[in-house]
Amino acid sequence: MGLRSIRSARYVVLGVLLAVVAAACGSAQAESAGAGVATDAGVVVTEPRTGGDVAVEIVLEEFGFDPDPVTLPAGETVVLTLRNDGAITHEFMLGQGPQEMGGYGVDLLAEMQPEVISGEGFMVEGFEGEDHGDDHADEEAAVTSHNEATEATDDGHDEGEATDDGHDEGEATDDGHDEAGGHGAMVAIDPGGEVTIRIQVPDDAAGTWEMGCFLSGHYQAGMHGTVIVTG
């Protein structure tokens, strides 16, 4: 074998070794970054590995929700954190068919069997046990903030004047809803408050839903948004 042939053979071996090392490094990087699929070119990372429940955060503001829309996966357990960045108390309800009395005709939040994990400055209604909450979200503070919200709306009505939907904005019951009262599962959160709940999204809930706040005058001021359940 001539000198040129020996050099050519060495280059071939070196090339093979470099290819093996590159493939090993690519596999290690993909392993640390997340799940991937094998191809002729190595391992291509498709998405980060995640474990446990799906985490979603919704911020309540004057008068809306962020993000909007919100996406939830059908058939999954979701850890939902609700935070009030507004200056007054707000609530979170979820369903379809908003009712004149407040709340939804189809109460998806109640169907999700919500469980309070942690939080402060909140109060819940329609949950199993209904004994969650703390002193930060007492009824007096809720009624005060709801009356303030009535003055803040821009629908052109004076406080106490009936709106187009026939409700009286000026009067609130002990739970802070219009005199007719709201109904269904809800989470009320004081300014600066936060609560984390665990919910089980039903397998058959795929579709478009609505989240809303039915405290006096809030829904009329535009505090409602879209929740899309995918599946």
Foldseek 3Di string as FASTA:
>chain_A
DDPVVVVVVVVVVVVVVVVVVVQVVVVVVLVVQDDFDQDPNHTDRDHHDDDDFAEEEWEQEQAAIPPFPAEAAAQTKYWYKYWYQYQAKWKKFKFDCADLLGGHPGGQQLVQQKDWDDKAQKAKPNHVVRPDYDPNPALVRLQVRQQVVQVVADPPDDQQDADPSGFGLNDADSNQATPSHHDHIMMMGGNRIMTIIMTGHHNPPADKMKMATRGRPNVVSPYMHIYGYHD
